[in-house]
Amino acid sequence: MAPRNRHLSSTPLEILLFLNGWYYATYFLLEIFIFIYKGEFFVVTPFVNPLSPGLLLPYPSANLVLDLVMLFLYLGIEVTRIFFGSKGNLCQRKVPLSISLALTFPAAVMAAYYLLLQTYALRLEAILNAILLLFYGVELLLGILTLAAFSSLDSY
């Protein structure tokens, strides 16, 4: 436990976790709306005129469902990661901060999936996911530095 006169929690990390929480909430809602758009305008049904504007690409229903399920899994990972990161930082605890840093890697993989590997990625999604990856990189760096500061304490 840290002595009472030493505050080792990282203010920049806490600000970044707070901003990332709000950004991810916005990202999640935008992705839901984007998937609604993709489901509406990218699925070609036999009863619709194939020459009508707006029906551009055949988005397979199974892929749309997979992307939505992965988005909700991503939500769980991200909420858990931000909670443990904030808790570990403010309470100056190594274990919750380590869990948060460990969860950064699956979160970055999910952001990379939505950036590069989903069936049809819009330019807006590419920009949103690139910003998320930037958040993850800076949070990982600040988290490692904060964890090193917590580890430098004498634990008797």
Protein backbone atom coordinates (compact mmCIF):
# COMPACT_ATOMS: atom_id res chain seq x y z
CA MET A 1 0.00 0.00 0.00
CA ALA A 2 1.26 3.44 -0.83
CA PRO A 3 2.25 5.77 1.99
CA ARG A 4 -0.32 8.45 2.70
CA ASN A 5 1.86 11.28 1.43
CA ARG A 6 2.69 9.65 -1.95
CA HIS A 7 0.13 9.73 -4.71
CA LEU A 8 1.34 7.62 -7.59
CA SER A 9 -1.88 7.39 -9.57
CA SER A 10 -1.57 8.85 -13.04
CA THR A 11 -3.78 11.82 -13.82
CA PRO A 12 -3.15 11.62 -17.58
CA LEU A 13 -4.10 7.92 -17.56
CA GLU A 14 -7.29 8.65 -15.63
CA ILE A 15 -8.24 11.47 -18.02
CA LEU A 16 -7.56 9.20 -20.98
CA LEU A 17 -9.66 6.38 -19.49
CA PHE A 18 -12.50 8.83 -18.84
CA LEU A 19 -12.36 10.22 -22.39
CA ASN A 20 -12.08 6.71 -23.82
CA GLY A 21 -15.22 5.70 -21.92
CA TRP A 22 -17.21 8.50 -23.52
CA TYR A 23 -15.62 7.91 -26.90
CA TYR A 24 -16.39 4.21 -26.79
CA ALA A 25 -20.02 4.88 -25.84
CA THR A 26 -20.30 7.14 -28.89
CA TYR A 27 -18.45 4.58 -31.00
CA PHE A 28 -20.80 1.79 -29.91
CA LEU A 29 -23.93 3.79 -30.76
CA LEU A 30 -22.50 4.87 -34.12
CA GLU A 31 -21.60 1.27 -34.94
CA ILE A 32 -25.14 0.14 -34.12
CA PHE A 33 -26.51 2.82 -36.47
CA ILE A 34 -23.95 1.86 -39.12
CA PHE A 35 -25.01 -1.79 -38.89
CA ILE A 36 -28.64 -0.74 -39.24
CA TYR A 37 -27.61 1.21 -42.33
CA LYS A 38 -25.67 -1.77 -43.68
CA GLY A 39 -28.57 -4.11 -42.99
CA GLU A 40 -31.01 -1.78 -44.73
CA PHE A 41 -29.03 -0.69 -47.73
CA PHE A 42 -26.55 -3.46 -48.38
CA VAL A 43 -28.86 -6.48 -48.35
CA VAL A 44 -30.28 -7.27 -51.77
CA THR A 45 -33.66 -9.00 -51.53
CA PRO A 46 -35.39 -10.68 -54.48
CA PHE A 47 -38.41 -8.34 -54.22
CA VAL A 48 -36.38 -5.15 -54.66
CA ASN A 49 -35.38 -3.72 -58.00
CA PRO A 50 -31.61 -4.39 -58.31
CA LEU A 51 -31.19 -1.12 -60.21
CA SER A 52 -32.57 1.02 -57.41
CA PRO A 53 -30.11 3.41 -55.77
CA GLY A 54 -28.90 2.55 -52.29
CA LEU A 55 -28.76 -1.23 -52.76
CA LEU A 56 -25.08 -1.49 -53.56
CA LEU A 57 -23.57 -4.58 -52.00
CA PRO A 58 -24.86 -7.97 -50.90
CA TYR A 59 -24.12 -8.00 -47.16
CA PRO A 60 -24.60 -11.60 -45.98
CA SER A 61 -27.00 -11.85 -43.04
CA ALA A 62 -24.76 -14.32 -41.20
CA ASN A 63 -21.84 -11.90 -41.38
CA LEU A 64 -24.02 -9.05 -40.16
CA VAL A 65 -25.12 -11.12 -37.17
CA LEU A 66 -21.51 -12.16 -36.46
CA ASP A 67 -20.36 -8.54 -36.57
CA LEU A 68 -23.15 -7.50 -34.18
CA VAL A 69 -22.38 -10.33 -31.72
CA MET A 70 -18.71 -9.37 -31.80
CA LEU A 71 -19.66 -5.74 -31.20
CA PHE A 72 -21.50 -6.70 -28.00
CA LEU A 73 -18.55 -8.85 -26.88
CA TYR A 74 -16.35 -5.85 -27.60
CA LEU A 75 -18.62 -3.75 -25.39
CA GLY A 76 -18.11 -6.18 -22.50
CA ILE A 77 -14.34 -6.21 -22.94
CA GLU A 78 -14.13 -2.43 -23.16
CA VAL A 79 -16.34 -1.70 -20.15
CA THR A 80 -14.37 -4.20 -18.05
CA ARG A 81 -11.05 -2.80 -19.25
CA ILE A 82 -11.96 0.80 -18.46
CA PHE A 83 -13.41 -0.14 -15.05
CA PHE A 84 -10.34 -2.09 -13.96
CA GLY A 85 -8.00 0.55 -15.37
CA SER A 86 -9.67 3.34 -13.47
CA LYS A 87 -10.01 1.29 -10.28
CA GLY A 88 -6.38 0.17 -10.39
CA ASN A 89 -5.12 3.65 -11.11
CA LEU A 90 -7.12 5.48 -8.46
CA CYS A 91 -6.61 2.84 -5.74
CA GLN A 92 -2.94 2.41 -6.71
CA ARG A 93 -3.36 -1.36 -7.12
CA LYS A 94 -1.24 -3.42 -9.48
CA VAL A 95 -3.65 -6.30 -10.13
CA PRO A 96 -6.63 -4.33 -11.51
CA LEU A 97 -4.30 -2.18 -13.60
CA SER A 98 -2.59 -5.32 -14.92
CA ILE A 99 -5.98 -6.80 -15.83
CA SER A 100 -6.82 -3.60 -17.68
CA LEU A 101 -3.52 -3.69 -19.55
CA ALA A 102 -4.08 -7.36 -20.43
CA LEU A 103 -7.58 -6.56 -21.74
CA THR A 104 -6.12 -3.83 -23.94
CA PHE A 105 -4.81 -6.47 -26.34
CA PRO A 106 -8.19 -8.17 -27.06
CA ALA A 107 -9.76 -4.70 -27.36
CA ALA A 108 -7.08 -3.68 -29.89
CA VAL A 109 -7.66 -6.91 -31.83
CA MET A 110 -11.39 -6.15 -31.97
CA ALA A 111 -10.69 -2.60 -33.17
CA ALA A 112 -8.32 -3.99 -35.82
CA TYR A 113 -11.02 -6.45 -36.90
CA TYR A 114 -13.55 -3.67 -37.38
CA LEU A 115 -10.89 -1.60 -39.14
CA LEU A 116 -9.62 -4.25 -41.56
CA LEU A 117 -11.48 -7.55 -41.53
CA GLN A 118 -15.21 -7.00 -41.43
CA THR A 119 -17.19 -7.71 -44.58
CA TYR A 120 -17.79 -4.09 -45.60
CA ALA A 121 -16.01 -1.34 -43.71
CA LEU A 122 -17.06 2.25 -44.29
CA ARG A 123 -14.57 5.11 -44.23
CA LEU A 124 -16.27 6.41 -41.07
CA GLU A 125 -15.59 3.08 -39.36
CA ALA A 126 -11.95 3.21 -40.42
CA ILE A 127 -11.56 6.65 -38.84
CA LEU A 128 -13.38 5.66 -35.64
CA ASN A 129 -11.29 2.50 -35.20
CA ALA A 130 -8.03 4.30 -35.94
CA ILE A 131 -8.84 6.76 -33.15
CA LEU A 132 -9.60 3.84 -30.82
CA LEU A 133 -6.26 2.22 -31.66
CA LEU A 134 -4.55 5.52 -30.89
CA PHE A 135 -6.31 5.61 -27.50
CA TYR A 136 -5.16 2.04 -26.81
CA GLY A 137 -1.55 2.79 -27.68
CA VAL A 138 -1.33 5.83 -25.42
CA GLU A 139 -3.24 4.09 -22.60
CA LEU A 140 -0.93 1.08 -22.84
CA LEU A 141 2.14 3.31 -22.57
CA LEU A 142 0.75 5.32 -19.64
CA GLY A 143 -0.53 2.14 -17.96
CA ILE A 144 2.89 0.48 -18.13
CA LEU A 145 4.55 3.60 -16.71
CA THR A 146 1.97 3.80 -13.92
CA LEU A 147 2.37 0.09 -13.17
CA ALA A 148 6.13 0.59 -12.97
CA ALA A 149 5.58 3.45 -10.51
CA PHE A 150 3.31 1.24 -8.37
CA SER A 151 5.88 -1.56 -8.45
CA SER A 152 8.66 0.74 -7.26
CA LEU A 153 6.98 0.98 -3.85
CA ASP A 154 8.38 -1.12 -1.04
CA SER A 155 5.84 -3.78 -0.15
CA TYR A 156 6.64 -5.09 3.31
